[in-house]
C-alpha atoms as a PDB file:
ATOM      1  CA  MET A   1     -92.510  48.831  43.449  1.00  0.00           C
ATOM      2  CA  LYS A   2     -94.310  45.688  44.654  1.00  0.00           C
ATOM      3  CA  SER A   3     -93.831  46.696  48.280  1.00  0.00           C
ATOM      4  CA  LEU A   4     -95.225  50.169  47.582  1.00  0.00           C
ATOM      5  CA  ARG A   5     -98.270  48.669  45.889  1.00  0.00           C
ATOM      6  CA  PHE A   6     -98.732  46.214  48.773  1.00  0.00           C
ATOM      7  CA  SER A   7     -98.468  49.056  51.299  1.00  0.00           C
ATOM      8  CA  LEU A   8    -101.100  51.071  49.467  1.00  0.00           C
ATOM      9  CA  VAL A   9    -103.459  48.105  49.290  1.00  0.00           C
ATOM     10  CA  ALA A  10    -102.928  47.374  53.004  1.00  0.00           C
ATOM     11  CA  LEU A  11    -103.532  51.021  53.902  1.00  0.00           C
ATOM     12  CA  LEU A  12    -106.748  51.169  51.871  1.00  0.00           C
ATOM     13  CA  ALA A  13    -107.977  47.915  53.438  1.00  0.00           C
ATOM     14  CA  PHE A  14    -107.292  49.276  56.930  1.00  0.00           C
ATOM     15  CA  LEU A  15    -109.055  52.566  56.221  1.00  0.00           C
ATOM     16  CA  GLY A  16    -111.987  50.731  54.657  1.00  0.00           C
ATOM     17  CA  SER A  17    -112.477  48.506  57.691  1.00  0.00           C
ATOM     18  CA  ALA A  18    -112.206  51.481  60.043  1.00  0.00           C
ATOM     19  CA  ALA A  19    -115.017  53.211  58.154  1.00  0.00           C
ATOM     20  CA  PHE A  20    -117.355  50.286  58.844  1.00  0.00           C
ATOM     21  CA  ALA A  21    -116.846  50.387  62.615  1.00  0.00           C
ATOM     22  CA  GLN A  22    -119.596  52.592  63.988  1.00  0.00           C
ATOM     23  CA  SER A  23    -118.072  53.784  67.226  1.00  0.00           C
ATOM     24  CA  LYS A  24    -120.532  55.882  69.211  1.00  0.00           C
ATOM     25  CA  THR A  25    -120.525  57.664  72.542  1.00  0.00           C
ATOM     26  CA  ASP A  26    -123.788  58.294  74.358  1.00  0.00           C
ATOM     27  CA  SER A  27    -124.935  59.364  77.794  1.00  0.00           C
ATOM     28  CA  ILE A  28    -127.922  57.697  79.439  1.00  0.00           C
ATOM     29  CA  LYS A  29    -129.682  58.702  82.639  1.00  0.00           C
ATOM     30  CA  VAL A  30    -129.683  55.650  84.927  1.00  0.00           C
ATOM     31  CA  ALA A  31    -131.364  55.624  88.339  1.00  0.00           C
ATOM     32  CA  GLY A  32    -129.164  54.485  91.217  1.00  0.00           C
ATOM     33  CA  ASN A  33    -127.540  55.623  94.451  1.00  0.00           C
ATOM     34  CA  CYS A  34    -124.142  54.286  95.384  1.00  0.00           C
ATOM     35  CA  GLY A  35    -120.918  52.470  94.593  1.00  0.00           C
ATOM     36  CA  MET A  36    -122.706  49.109  94.580  1.00  0.00           C
ATOM     37  CA  CYS A  37    -125.094  50.500  91.953  1.00  0.00           C
ATOM     38  CA  LYS A  38    -122.101  51.694  89.915  1.00  0.00           C
ATOM     39  CA  LYS A  39    -120.568  48.211  89.901  1.00  0.00           C
ATOM     40  CA  ARG A  40    -123.859  46.544  88.908  1.00  0.00           C
ATOM     41  CA  ILE A  41    -124.699  49.057  86.169  1.00  0.00           C
ATOM     42  CA  GLU A  42    -121.230  49.000  84.617  1.00  0.00           C
ATOM     43  CA  ALA A  43    -121.058  45.185  84.806  1.00  0.00           C
ATOM     44  CA  ALA A  44    -124.491  44.859  83.185  1.00  0.00           C
ATOM     45  CA  VAL A  45    -123.390  46.655  80.034  1.00  0.00           C
ATOM     46  CA  LYS A  46    -120.189  44.701  79.513  1.00  0.00           C
ATOM     47  CA  ALA A  47    -121.044  43.076  76.225  1.00  0.00           C
ATOM     48  CA  ASP A  48    -119.606  42.505  72.796  1.00  0.00           C
ATOM     49  CA  GLY A  49    -119.438  45.919  71.184  1.00  0.00           C
ATOM     50  CA  VAL A  50    -119.186  47.980  74.387  1.00  0.00           C
ATOM     51  CA  THR A  51    -115.712  49.462  74.753  1.00  0.00           C
ATOM     52  CA  SER A  52    -116.210  51.469  77.953  1.00  0.00           C
ATOM     53  CA  ALA A  53    -118.873  52.478  80.455  1.00  0.00           C
ATOM     54  CA  GLU A  54    -118.689  54.907  83.375  1.00  0.00           C
ATOM     55  CA  TRP A  55    -121.663  55.666  85.672  1.00  0.00           C
ATOM     56  CA  SER A  56    -121.655  58.597  88.085  1.00  0.00           C
ATOM     57  CA  ALA A  57    -123.654  58.332  91.314  1.00  0.00           C
ATOM     58  CA  LYS A  58    -123.571  62.131  91.545  1.00  0.00           C
ATOM     59  CA  THR A  59    -125.018  62.910  88.096  1.00  0.00           C
ATOM     60  CA  LYS A  60    -126.892  59.585  87.575  1.00  0.00           C
ATOM     61  CA  MET A  61    -125.457  59.537  84.039  1.00  0.00           C
ATOM     62  CA  LEU A  62    -123.826  56.603  82.277  1.00  0.00           C
ATOM     63  CA  SER A  63    -121.279  57.559  79.632  1.00  0.00           C
ATOM     64  CA  ILE A  64    -120.870  54.673  77.232  1.00  0.00           C
ATOM     65  CA  ASN A  65    -118.707  54.012  74.186  1.00  0.00           C
ATOM     66  CA  TYR A  66    -119.868  51.229  71.895  1.00  0.00           C
ATOM     67  CA  ASP A  67    -119.844  49.877  68.360  1.00  0.00           C
ATOM     68  CA  ALA A  68    -123.322  50.508  66.971  1.00  0.00           C
ATOM     69  CA  SER A  69    -122.843  47.759  64.387  1.00  0.00           C
ATOM     70  CA  LYS A  70    -122.564  45.192  67.214  1.00  0.00           C
ATOM     71  CA  ILE A  71    -125.010  46.450  69.855  1.00  0.00           C
ATOM     72  CA  LYS A  72    -127.870  48.938  69.918  1.00  0.00           C
ATOM     73  CA  LEU A  73    -128.452  51.580  72.575  1.00  0.00           C
ATOM     74  CA  ASP A  74    -131.870  50.038  73.326  1.00  0.00           C
ATOM     75  CA  ASP A  75    -130.174  46.698  74.057  1.00  0.00           C
ATOM     76  CA  ILE A  76    -127.782  48.434  76.452  1.00  0.00           C
ATOM     77  CA  GLN A  77    -130.687  50.104  78.283  1.00  0.00           C
ATOM     78  CA  ARG A  78    -132.541  46.777  78.444  1.00  0.00           C
ATOM     79  CA  LYS A  79    -129.487  45.120  80.064  1.00  0.00           C
ATOM     80  CA  ILE A  80    -129.440  47.861  82.714  1.00  0.00           C
ATOM     81  CA  ALA A  81    -133.155  47.425  83.464  1.00  0.00           C
ATOM     82  CA  ASP A  82    -132.636  43.647  83.695  1.00  0.00           C
ATOM     83  CA  VAL A  83    -130.377  44.158  86.737  1.00  0.00           C
ATOM     84  CA  GLY A  84    -132.778  46.526  88.512  1.00  0.00           C
ATOM     85  CA  TYR A  85    -132.121  50.066  87.299  1.00  0.00           C
ATOM     86  CA  ASP A  86    -134.519  52.330  85.386  1.00  0.00           C
ATOM     87  CA  THR A  87    -133.452  54.099  82.183  1.00  0.00           C
ATOM     88  CA  PRO A  88    -135.438  56.510  80.001  1.00  0.00           C
ATOM     89  CA  LYS A  89    -136.618  53.686  77.712  1.00  0.00           C
ATOM     90  CA  PHE A  90    -136.810  50.655  80.001  1.00  0.00           C
ATOM     91  CA  LYS A  91    -137.955  50.256  83.597  1.00  0.00           C
ATOM     92  CA  ALA A  92    -136.742  47.449  85.826  1.00  0.00           C
ATOM     93  CA  THR A  93    -139.427  44.966  86.784  1.00  0.00           C
ATOM     94  CA  GLU A  94    -140.696  45.257  90.340  1.00  0.00           C
ATOM     95  CA  ALA A  95    -139.392  41.734  91.058  1.00  0.00           C
ATOM     96  CA  VAL A  96    -135.830  42.660  90.065  1.00  0.00           C
ATOM     97  CA  TYR A  97    -135.970  46.081  91.749  1.00  0.00           C
ATOM     98  CA  THR A  98    -137.082  44.609  95.096  1.00  0.00           C
ATOM     99  CA  LYS A  99    -134.058  42.260  95.090  1.00  0.00           C
ATOM    100  CA  LEU A 100    -131.631  45.207  95.104  1.00  0.00           C
ATOM    101  CA  PRO A 101    -129.811  45.837  98.395  1.00  0.00           C
ATOM    102  CA  GLY A 102    -131.479  48.499 100.555  1.00  0.00           C
ATOM    103  CA  CYS A 103    -128.849  51.144  99.796  1.00  0.00           C
ATOM    104  CA  CYS A 104    -129.469  50.668  96.084  1.00  0.00           C
ATOM    105  CA  LYS A 105    -133.235  51.236  96.189  1.00  0.00           C
ATOM    106  CA  TYR A 106    -133.671  54.588  94.504  1.00  0.00           C
ATOM    107  CA  ASP A 107    -136.866  56.648  94.280  1.00  0.00           C
ATOM    108  CA  ARG A 108    -138.698  55.379  91.219  1.00  0.00           C
ATOM    109  CA  GLU A 109    -140.413  58.022  89.093  1.00  0.00           C
ATOM    110  CA  GLY A 110    -144.172  57.710  89.247  1.00  0.00           C
ATOM    111  CA  GLN A 111    -143.972  55.419  92.272  1.00  0.00           C
ATOM    112  CA  PRO A 112    -144.025  56.240  95.970  1.00  0.00           C
ATOM    113  CA  ALA A 113    -140.603  56.350  97.574  1.00  0.00           C
ATOM    114  CA  GLN A 114    -139.705  53.236  99.526  1.00  0.00           C
ATOM    115  CA  LYS A 115    -137.718  53.332 102.719  1.00  0.00           C
ATOM    116  CA  PRO A 116    -134.320  51.718 102.276  1.00  0.00           C
ATOM    117  CA  GLU A 117    -133.665  48.637 104.360  1.00  0.00           C
ATOM    118  CA  THR A 118    -131.359  49.078 107.316  1.00  0.00           C
ATOM    119  CA  HIS A 119    -128.374  46.767 107.680  1.00  0.00           C
ATOM    120  CA  HIS A 120    -127.843  45.328 111.168  1.00  0.00           C
END
């Protein structure tokens, strides 16, 4: 009987802790062009609370799974902008954007397109 009671208590504790985890999946539009962009964007969001992130150069969408009790979507978008890529809520600073490799310089909304640098 004690083992049954212990099992029930353990099960309830497990279910209770699972209810507190706020696992979310969101998609964010992230400007970028290529495989180098993909690596930078996905690396930028690796943080406590982020369980997976996948950016598509074709769709310009980042699919991200995260624990909303540990990190907020705004913080994720800010991390992306900090490495040079624009999101709907946060724009990369011009200083960070200009440091991107030429192939990674995307057309910025509201700004004239810049010619990508050529590699010699």
